[in-house]
Amino acid sequence: MAALKLDFSLSKVGSRSAPVGGSSGADSIAGDTKKLSLRSLLHYLWHKAELTVWTARWAGKRHWWNIRWHLIEAARQMTVKGGR
């Protein structure tokens, strides 16, 4: 089991207005590196589902439903805010 912190909401909440960016003049963007973005979560699940390693058992079996099943099984091993 792994407890994850996400940088995005898992539920859809009413419409929100886009954040207004101030012109502070900073050349770099600082982010919270302790939280996963949606892209990094997908990369992490892909890795935990062992889809980044080629084995002979995958020969001719990389269909979308097979990959989906492995990703869902990997996601079942994760918790976010105390829930699966």
PDB file of N, CA and C in Angstrom:
ATOM      1  N   MET A   1       0.842  -1.182   0.000  1.00  0.00           N
ATOM      2  CA  MET A   1       0.000   0.000   0.000  1.00  0.00           C
ATOM      3  C   MET A   1       0.886   1.243   0.000  1.00  0.00           C
ATOM      4  N   ALA A   2       0.502   2.192  -0.798  1.00  0.00           N
ATOM      5  CA  ALA A   2       1.216   3.459  -0.857  1.00  0.00           C
ATOM      6  C   ALA A   2       0.215   4.588  -0.677  1.00  0.00           C
ATOM      7  N   ALA A   3       0.551   5.548   0.163  1.00  0.00           N
ATOM      8  CA  ALA A   3      -0.299   6.729   0.374  1.00  0.00           C
ATOM      9  C   ALA A   3       0.228   7.846  -0.521  1.00  0.00           C
ATOM     10  N   LEU A   4      -0.630   8.370  -1.369  1.00  0.00           N
ATOM     11  CA  LEU A   4      -0.220   9.385  -2.332  1.00  0.00           C
ATOM     12  C   LEU A   4      -0.836  10.736  -1.999  1.00  0.00           C
ATOM     13  N   LYS A   5      -0.106  11.793  -2.307  1.00  0.00           N
ATOM     14  CA  LYS A   5      -0.619  13.161  -2.208  1.00  0.00           C
ATOM     15  C   LYS A   5      -0.701  13.696  -3.629  1.00  0.00           C
ATOM     16  N   LEU A   6      -1.887  14.164  -3.998  1.00  0.00           N
ATOM     17  CA  LEU A   6      -2.106  14.616  -5.363  1.00  0.00           C
ATOM     18  C   LEU A   6      -2.198  16.128  -5.439  1.00  0.00           C
ATOM     19  N   ASP A   7      -1.793  16.648  -6.577  1.00  0.00           N
ATOM     20  CA  ASP A   7      -1.813  18.086  -6.831  1.00  0.00           C
ATOM     21  C   ASP A   7      -3.112  18.515  -7.519  1.00  0.00           C
ATOM     22  N   PHE A   8      -4.064  17.598  -7.634  1.00  0.00           N
ATOM     23  CA  PHE A   8      -5.327  17.884  -8.312  1.00  0.00           C
ATOM     24  C   PHE A   8      -6.452  17.201  -7.549  1.00  0.00           C
ATOM     25  N   SER A   9      -7.661  17.617  -7.822  1.00  0.00           N
ATOM     26  CA  SER A   9      -8.829  17.069  -7.145  1.00  0.00           C
ATOM     27  C   SER A   9      -9.310  15.822  -7.869  1.00  0.00           C
ATOM     28  N   LEU A  10      -9.747  14.815  -7.106  1.00  0.00           N
ATOM     29  CA  LEU A  10     -10.294  13.608  -7.704  1.00  0.00           C
ATOM     30  C   LEU A  10     -11.788  13.721  -7.971  1.00  0.00           C
ATOM     31  N   SER A  11     -12.398  14.783  -7.484  1.00  0.00           N
ATOM     32  CA  SER A  11     -13.825  14.970  -7.713  1.00  0.00           C
ATOM     33  C   SER A  11     -14.044  16.270  -8.469  1.00  0.00           C
ATOM     34  N   LYS A  12     -15.117  16.289  -9.211  1.00  0.00           N
ATOM     35  CA  LYS A  12     -15.440  17.484  -9.989  1.00  0.00           C
ATOM     36  C   LYS A  12     -16.296  18.391  -9.120  1.00  0.00           C
ATOM     37  N   VAL A  13     -15.794  19.560  -8.857  1.00  0.00           N
ATOM     38  CA  VAL A  13     -16.503  20.550  -8.051  1.00  0.00           C
ATOM     39  C   VAL A  13     -16.928  21.660  -8.992  1.00  0.00           C
ATOM     40  N   GLY A  14     -18.100  22.249  -8.804  1.00  0.00           N
ATOM     41  CA  GLY A  14     -18.617  23.331  -9.655  1.00  0.00           C
ATOM     42  C   GLY A  14     -17.560  24.079 -10.435  1.00  0.00           C
ATOM     43  N   SER A  15     -18.007  24.943 -11.285  1.00  0.00           N
ATOM     44  CA  SER A  15     -17.070  25.680 -12.125  1.00  0.00           C
ATOM     45  C   SER A  15     -16.267  26.668 -11.282  1.00  0.00           C
ATOM     46  N   ARG A  16     -15.016  26.706 -11.553  1.00  0.00           N
ATOM     47  CA  ARG A  16     -14.110  27.627 -10.865  1.00  0.00           C
ATOM     48  C   ARG A  16     -13.516  28.557 -11.903  1.00  0.00           C
ATOM     49  N   SER A  17     -13.278  29.784 -11.495  1.00  0.00           N
ATOM     50  CA  SER A  17     -12.621  30.709 -12.412  1.00  0.00           C
ATOM     51  C   SER A  17     -11.122  30.448 -12.389  1.00  0.00           C
ATOM     52  N   ALA A  18     -10.484  30.755 -13.477  1.00  0.00           N
ATOM     53  CA  ALA A  18      -9.045  30.558 -13.583  1.00  0.00           C
ATOM     54  C   ALA A  18      -8.340  31.506 -12.629  1.00  0.00           C
ATOM     55  N   PRO A  19      -7.251  31.046 -11.994  1.00  0.00           N
ATOM     56  CA  PRO A  19      -6.527  31.932 -11.091  1.00  0.00           C
ATOM     57  C   PRO A  19      -5.910  33.095 -11.844  1.00  0.00           C
ATOM     58  N   VAL A  20      -5.964  34.246 -11.229  1.00  0.00           N
ATOM     59  CA  VAL A  20      -5.408  35.452 -11.834  1.00  0.00           C
ATOM     60  C   VAL A  20      -3.926  35.494 -11.505  1.00  0.00           C
ATOM     61  N   GLY A  21      -3.112  35.548 -12.539  1.00  0.00           N
ATOM     62  CA  GLY A  21      -1.670  35.577 -12.342  1.00  0.00           C
ATOM     63  C   GLY A  21      -1.181  36.996 -12.143  1.00  0.00           C
ATOM     64  N   GLY A  22      -0.405  37.183 -11.110  1.00  0.00           N
ATOM     65  CA  GLY A  22       0.164  38.504 -10.860  1.00  0.00           C
ATOM     66  C   GLY A  22       1.449  38.664 -11.641  1.00  0.00           C
ATOM     67  N   SER A  23       1.833  39.878 -11.891  1.00  0.00           N
ATOM     68  CA  SER A  23       3.072  40.119 -12.631  1.00  0.00           C
ATOM     69  C   SER A  23       4.185  40.411 -11.632  1.00  0.00           C
ATOM     70  N   SER A  24       4.627  39.341 -10.942  1.00  0.00           N
ATOM     71  CA  SER A  24       5.659  39.510  -9.933  1.00  0.00           C
ATOM     72  C   SER A  24       7.053  39.607 -10.545  1.00  0.00           C
ATOM     73  N   GLY A  25       7.183  39.218 -11.818  1.00  0.00           N
ATOM     74  CA  GLY A  25       8.471  39.335 -12.490  1.00  0.00           C
ATOM     75  C   GLY A  25       9.397  38.164 -12.217  1.00  0.00           C
ATOM     76  N   ALA A  26       8.906  37.103 -11.637  1.00  0.00           N
ATOM     77  CA  ALA A  26       9.745  35.946 -11.360  1.00  0.00           C
ATOM     78  C   ALA A  26       9.978  35.162 -12.649  1.00  0.00           C
ATOM     79  N   ASP A  27      11.221  34.697 -12.842  1.00  0.00           N
ATOM     80  CA  ASP A  27      11.563  33.947 -14.043  1.00  0.00           C
ATOM     81  C   ASP A  27      11.355  32.449 -13.858  1.00  0.00           C
ATOM     82  N   SER A  28      11.105  32.004 -12.659  1.00  0.00           N
ATOM     83  CA  SER A  28      10.927  30.571 -12.425  1.00  0.00           C
ATOM     84  C   SER A  28       9.595  30.321 -11.724  1.00  0.00           C
ATOM     85  N   ILE A  29       9.148  29.102 -11.852  1.00  0.00           N
ATOM     86  CA  ILE A  29       7.893  28.696 -11.230  1.00  0.00           C
ATOM     87  C   ILE A  29       8.222  27.725 -10.110  1.00  0.00           C
ATOM     88  N   ALA A  30       7.724  28.018  -8.926  1.00  0.00           N
ATOM     89  CA  ALA A  30       7.955  27.128  -7.788  1.00  0.00           C
ATOM     90  C   ALA A  30       6.710  26.299  -7.572  1.00  0.00           C
ATOM     91  N   GLY A  31       6.877  24.993  -7.439  1.00  0.00           N
ATOM     92  CA  GLY A  31       5.751  24.096  -7.212  1.00  0.00           C
ATOM     93  C   GLY A  31       6.003  23.231  -6.003  1.00  0.00           C
ATOM     94  N   ASP A  32       4.966  22.637  -5.505  1.00  0.00           N
ATOM     95  CA  ASP A  32       5.091  21.725  -4.380  1.00  0.00           C
ATOM     96  C   ASP A  32       5.506  20.368  -4.924  1.00  0.00           C
ATOM     97  N   THR A  33       6.761  19.995  -4.725  1.00  0.00           N
ATOM     98  CA  THR A  33       7.283  18.763  -5.296  1.00  0.00           C
ATOM     99  C   THR A  33       6.845  17.529  -4.524  1.00  0.00           C
ATOM    100  N   LYS A  34       6.151  17.718  -3.415  1.00  0.00           N
ATOM    101  CA  LYS A  34       5.715  16.573  -2.629  1.00  0.00           C
ATOM    102  C   LYS A  34       4.379  16.017  -3.118  1.00  0.00           C
ATOM    103  N   LYS A  35       3.740  16.686  -4.061  1.00  0.00           N
ATOM    104  CA  LYS A  35       2.455  16.238  -4.565  1.00  0.00           C
ATOM    105  C   LYS A  35       2.593  15.806  -6.022  1.00  0.00           C
ATOM    106  N   LEU A  36       1.816  14.796  -6.418  1.00  0.00           N
ATOM    107  CA  LEU A  36       1.868  14.273  -7.770  1.00  0.00           C
ATOM    108  C   LEU A  36       0.883  15.003  -8.676  1.00  0.00           C
ATOM    109  N   SER A  37       1.335  15.345  -9.859  1.00  0.00           N
ATOM    110  CA  SER A  37       0.429  15.882 -10.870  1.00  0.00           C
ATOM    111  C   SER A  37      -0.273  14.695 -11.524  1.00  0.00           C
ATOM    112  N   LEU A  38      -1.255  14.966 -12.356  1.00  0.00           N
ATOM    113  CA  LEU A  38      -1.960  13.889 -13.041  1.00  0.00           C
ATOM    114  C   LEU A  38      -0.998  13.092 -13.913  1.00  0.00           C
ATOM    115  N   ARG A  39      -0.117  13.787 -14.601  1.00  0.00           N
ATOM    116  CA  ARG A  39       0.851  13.113 -15.466  1.00  0.00           C
ATOM    117  C   ARG A  39       1.811  12.232 -14.659  1.00  0.00           C
ATOM    118  N   SER A  40       2.309  12.752 -13.549  1.00  0.00           N
ATOM    119  CA  SER A  40       3.237  11.961 -12.744  1.00  0.00           C
ATOM    120  C   SER A  40       2.529  10.780 -12.085  1.00  0.00           C
ATOM    121  N   LEU A  41       1.244  10.935 -11.745  1.00  0.00           N
ATOM    122  CA  LEU A  41       0.474   9.815 -11.195  1.00  0.00           C
ATOM    123  C   LEU A  41       0.344   8.712 -12.234  1.00  0.00           C
ATOM    124  N   LEU A  42       0.061   9.079 -13.475  1.00  0.00           N
ATOM    125  CA  LEU A  42      -0.050   8.071 -14.528  1.00  0.00           C
ATOM    126  C   LEU A  42       1.278   7.375 -14.786  1.00  0.00           C
ATOM    127  N   HIS A  43       2.379   8.111 -14.755  1.00  0.00           N
ATOM    128  CA  HIS A  43       3.704   7.500 -14.904  1.00  0.00           C
ATOM    129  C   HIS A  43       3.990   6.547 -13.744  1.00  0.00           C
ATOM    130  N   TYR A  44       3.629   6.953 -12.542  1.00  0.00           N
ATOM    131  CA  TYR A  44       3.857   6.123 -11.362  1.00  0.00           C
ATOM    132  C   TYR A  44       3.045   4.824 -11.440  1.00  0.00           C
ATOM    133  N   LEU A  45       1.774   4.930 -11.824  1.00  0.00           N
ATOM    134  CA  LEU A  45       0.938   3.741 -11.953  1.00  0.00           C
ATOM    135  C   LEU A  45       1.454   2.817 -13.059  1.00  0.00           C
ATOM    136  N   TRP A  46       1.890   3.401 -14.168  1.00  0.00           N
ATOM    137  CA  TRP A  46       2.448   2.617 -15.268  1.00  0.00           C
ATOM    138  C   TRP A  46       3.663   1.824 -14.786  1.00  0.00           C
ATOM    139  N   HIS A  47       4.501   2.473 -13.973  1.00  0.00           N
ATOM    140  CA  HIS A  47       5.692   1.811 -13.446  1.00  0.00           C
ATOM    141  C   HIS A  47       5.311   0.719 -12.444  1.00  0.00           C
ATOM    142  N   LYS A  48       4.381   1.024 -11.533  1.00  0.00           N
ATOM    143  CA  LYS A  48       3.968   0.038 -10.529  1.00  0.00           C
ATOM    144  C   LYS A  48       3.239  -1.148 -11.151  1.00  0.00           C
ATOM    145  N   ALA A  49       2.584  -0.954 -12.287  1.00  0.00           N
ATOM    146  CA  ALA A  49       1.912  -2.043 -12.988  1.00  0.00           C
ATOM    147  C   ALA A  49       2.919  -2.885 -13.783  1.00  0.00           C
ATOM    148  N   GLU A  50       4.190  -2.515 -13.703  1.00  0.00           N
ATOM    149  CA  GLU A  50       5.299  -3.194 -14.378  1.00  0.00           C
ATOM    150  C   GLU A  50       5.117  -3.218 -15.892  1.00  0.00           C
ATOM    151  N   LEU A  51       4.583  -2.119 -16.425  1.00  0.00           N
ATOM    152  CA  LEU A  51       4.408  -2.010 -17.860  1.00  0.00           C
ATOM    153  C   LEU A  51       5.614  -1.373 -18.536  1.00  0.00           C
ATOM    154  N   THR A  52       6.611  -0.968 -17.759  1.00  0.00           N
ATOM    155  CA  THR A  52       7.822  -0.358 -18.320  1.00  0.00           C
ATOM    156  C   THR A  52       8.899  -1.400 -18.594  1.00  0.00           C
ATOM    157  N   VAL A  53       8.667  -2.626 -18.167  1.00  0.00           N
ATOM    158  CA  VAL A  53       9.652  -3.692 -18.332  1.00  0.00           C
ATOM    159  C   VAL A  53       9.102  -4.723 -19.308  1.00  0.00           C
ATOM    160  N   TRP A  54       9.893  -5.062 -20.318  1.00  0.00           N
ATOM    161  CA  TRP A  54       9.444  -6.050 -21.284  1.00  0.00           C
ATOM    162  C   TRP A  54       9.815  -7.440 -20.796  1.00  0.00           C
ATOM    163  N   THR A  55       8.840  -8.339 -20.824  1.00  0.00           N
ATOM    164  CA  THR A  55       9.088  -9.748 -20.531  1.00  0.00           C
ATOM    165  C   THR A  55       8.451 -10.569 -21.646  1.00  0.00           C
ATOM    166  N   ALA A  56       8.855 -11.812 -21.759  1.00  0.00           N
ATOM    167  CA  ALA A  56       8.334 -12.684 -22.809  1.00  0.00           C
ATOM    168  C   ALA A  56       6.836 -12.943 -22.634  1.00  0.00           C
ATOM    169  N   ARG A  57       6.329 -12.829 -21.404  1.00  0.00           N
ATOM    170  CA  ARG A  57       4.905 -13.087 -21.182  1.00  0.00           C
ATOM    171  C   ARG A  57       4.014 -12.013 -21.820  1.00  0.00           C
ATOM    172  N   TRP A  58       4.601 -10.877 -22.231  1.00  0.00           N
ATOM    173  CA  TRP A  58       3.834  -9.806 -22.878  1.00  0.00           C
ATOM    174  C   TRP A  58       3.747  -9.984 -24.391  1.00  0.00           C
ATOM    175  N   ALA A  59       4.406 -10.977 -24.936  1.00  0.00           N
ATOM    176  CA  ALA A  59       4.423 -11.157 -26.389  1.00  0.00           C
ATOM    177  C   ALA A  59       2.999 -11.331 -26.917  1.00  0.00           C
ATOM    178  N   GLY A  60       2.561 -10.393 -27.753  1.00  0.00           N
ATOM    179  CA  GLY A  60       1.239 -10.446 -28.361  1.00  0.00           C
ATOM    180  C   GLY A  60       0.089 -10.146 -27.412  1.00  0.00           C
ATOM    181  N   LYS A  61       0.363  -9.648 -26.199  1.00  0.00           N
ATOM    182  CA  LYS A  61      -0.681  -9.440 -25.202  1.00  0.00           C
ATOM    183  C   LYS A  61      -0.809  -7.995 -24.746  1.00  0.00           C
ATOM    184  N   ARG A  62      -0.244  -7.057 -25.432  1.00  0.00           N
ATOM    185  CA  ARG A  62      -0.346  -5.655 -25.013  1.00  0.00           C
ATOM    186  C   ARG A  62      -1.577  -4.999 -25.626  1.00  0.00           C
ATOM    187  N   HIS A  63      -2.717  -5.555 -25.328  1.00  0.00           N
ATOM    188  CA  HIS A  63      -3.979  -4.975 -25.775  1.00  0.00           C
ATOM    189  C   HIS A  63      -4.433  -3.963 -24.736  1.00  0.00           C
ATOM    190  N   TRP A  64      -5.306  -3.038 -25.125  1.00  0.00           N
ATOM    191  CA  TRP A  64      -5.727  -1.973 -24.214  1.00  0.00           C
ATOM    192  C   TRP A  64      -6.408  -2.531 -22.974  1.00  0.00           C
ATOM    193  N   TRP A  65      -7.189  -3.609 -23.099  1.00  0.00           N
ATOM    194  CA  TRP A  65      -7.894  -4.142 -21.929  1.00  0.00           C
ATOM    195  C   TRP A  65      -6.930  -4.796 -20.959  1.00  0.00           C
ATOM    196  N   ASN A  66      -5.857  -5.367 -21.474  1.00  0.00           N
ATOM    197  CA  ASN A  66      -4.843  -5.975 -20.611  1.00  0.00           C
ATOM    198  C   ASN A  66      -4.073  -4.903 -19.849  1.00  0.00           C
ATOM    199  N   ILE A  67      -3.712  -3.830 -20.531  1.00  0.00           N
ATOM    200  CA  ILE A  67      -3.010  -2.716 -19.892  1.00  0.00           C
ATOM    201  C   ILE A  67      -3.918  -2.043 -18.874  1.00  0.00           C
ATOM    202  N   ARG A  68      -5.197  -1.847 -19.220  1.00  0.00           N
ATOM    203  CA  ARG A  68      -6.167  -1.243 -18.304  1.00  0.00           C
ATOM    204  C   ARG A  68      -6.274  -2.063 -17.030  1.00  0.00           C
ATOM    205  N   TRP A  69      -6.352  -3.378 -17.168  1.00  0.00           N
ATOM    206  CA  TRP A  69      -6.479  -4.252 -16.005  1.00  0.00           C
ATOM    207  C   TRP A  69      -5.272  -4.107 -15.085  1.00  0.00           C
ATOM    208  N   HIS A  70      -4.073  -4.094 -15.648  1.00  0.00           N
ATOM    209  CA  HIS A  70      -2.852  -3.952 -14.845  1.00  0.00           C
ATOM    210  C   HIS A  70      -2.788  -2.592 -14.154  1.00  0.00           C
ATOM    211  N   LEU A  71      -3.217  -1.520 -14.846  1.00  0.00           N
ATOM    212  CA  LEU A  71      -3.224  -0.191 -14.232  1.00  0.00           C
ATOM    213  C   LEU A  71      -4.235  -0.119 -13.085  1.00  0.00           C
ATOM    214  N   ILE A  72      -5.390  -0.726 -13.250  1.00  0.00           N
ATOM    215  CA  ILE A  72      -6.393  -0.730 -12.179  1.00  0.00           C
ATOM    216  C   ILE A  72      -5.898  -1.531 -10.986  1.00  0.00           C
ATOM    217  N   GLU A  73      -5.242  -2.653 -11.223  1.00  0.00           N
ATOM    218  CA  GLU A  73      -4.679  -3.448 -10.132  1.00  0.00           C
ATOM    219  C   GLU A  73      -3.603  -2.668  -9.378  1.00  0.00           C
ATOM    220  N   ALA A  74      -2.793  -1.898 -10.100  1.00  0.00           N
ATOM    221  CA  ALA A  74      -1.775  -1.074  -9.442  1.00  0.00           C
ATOM    222  C   ALA A  74      -2.443   0.031  -8.629  1.00  0.00           C
ATOM    223  N   ALA A  75      -3.514   0.622  -9.163  1.00  0.00           N
ATOM    224  CA  ALA A  75      -4.219   1.697  -8.461  1.00  0.00           C
ATOM    225  C   ALA A  75      -4.899   1.187  -7.195  1.00  0.00           C
ATOM    226  N   ARG A  76      -5.294  -0.065  -7.176  1.00  0.00           N
ATOM    227  CA  ARG A  76      -5.928  -0.639  -5.975  1.00  0.00           C
ATOM    228  C   ARG A  76      -4.962  -0.731  -4.805  1.00  0.00           C
ATOM    229  N   GLN A  77      -3.679  -0.637  -5.075  1.00  0.00           N
ATOM    230  CA  GLN A  77      -2.669  -0.690  -4.026  1.00  0.00           C
ATOM    231  C   GLN A  77      -2.330   0.688  -3.479  1.00  0.00           C
ATOM    232  N   MET A  78      -3.013   1.727  -3.963  1.00  0.00           N
ATOM    233  CA  MET A  78      -2.736   3.105  -3.559  1.00  0.00           C
ATOM    234  C   MET A  78      -3.887   3.654  -2.739  1.00  0.00           C
ATOM    235  N   THR A  79      -3.569   4.587  -1.841  1.00  0.00           N
ATOM    236  CA  THR A  79      -4.596   5.307  -1.096  1.00  0.00           C
ATOM    237  C   THR A  79      -4.357   6.807  -1.254  1.00  0.00           C
ATOM    238  N   VAL A  80      -5.452   7.543  -1.302  1.00  0.00           N
ATOM    239  CA  VAL A  80      -5.398   8.995  -1.396  1.00  0.00           C
ATOM    240  C   VAL A  80      -6.364   9.528  -0.353  1.00  0.00           C
ATOM    241  N   LYS A  81      -5.859  10.342   0.572  1.00  0.00           N
ATOM    242  CA  LYS A  81      -6.664  10.905   1.658  1.00  0.00           C
ATOM    243  C   LYS A  81      -7.418   9.829   2.430  1.00  0.00           C
ATOM    244  N   GLY A  82      -6.773   8.719   2.677  1.00  0.00           N
ATOM    245  CA  GLY A  82      -7.357   7.640   3.460  1.00  0.00           C
ATOM    246  C   GLY A  82      -8.304   6.740   2.701  1.00  0.00           C
ATOM    247  N   GLY A  83      -8.593   7.030   1.438  1.00  0.00           N
ATOM    248  CA  GLY A  83      -9.489   6.203   0.639  1.00  0.00           C
ATOM    249  C   GLY A  83      -8.765   5.557  -0.517  1.00  0.00           C
ATOM    250  N   ARG A  84      -9.315   4.468  -1.011  1.00  0.00           N
ATOM    251  CA  ARG A  84      -8.695   3.776  -2.136  1.00  0.00           C
ATOM    252  C   ARG A  84      -8.982   4.503  -3.429  1.00  0.00           C
TER     253      ARG A  84
END
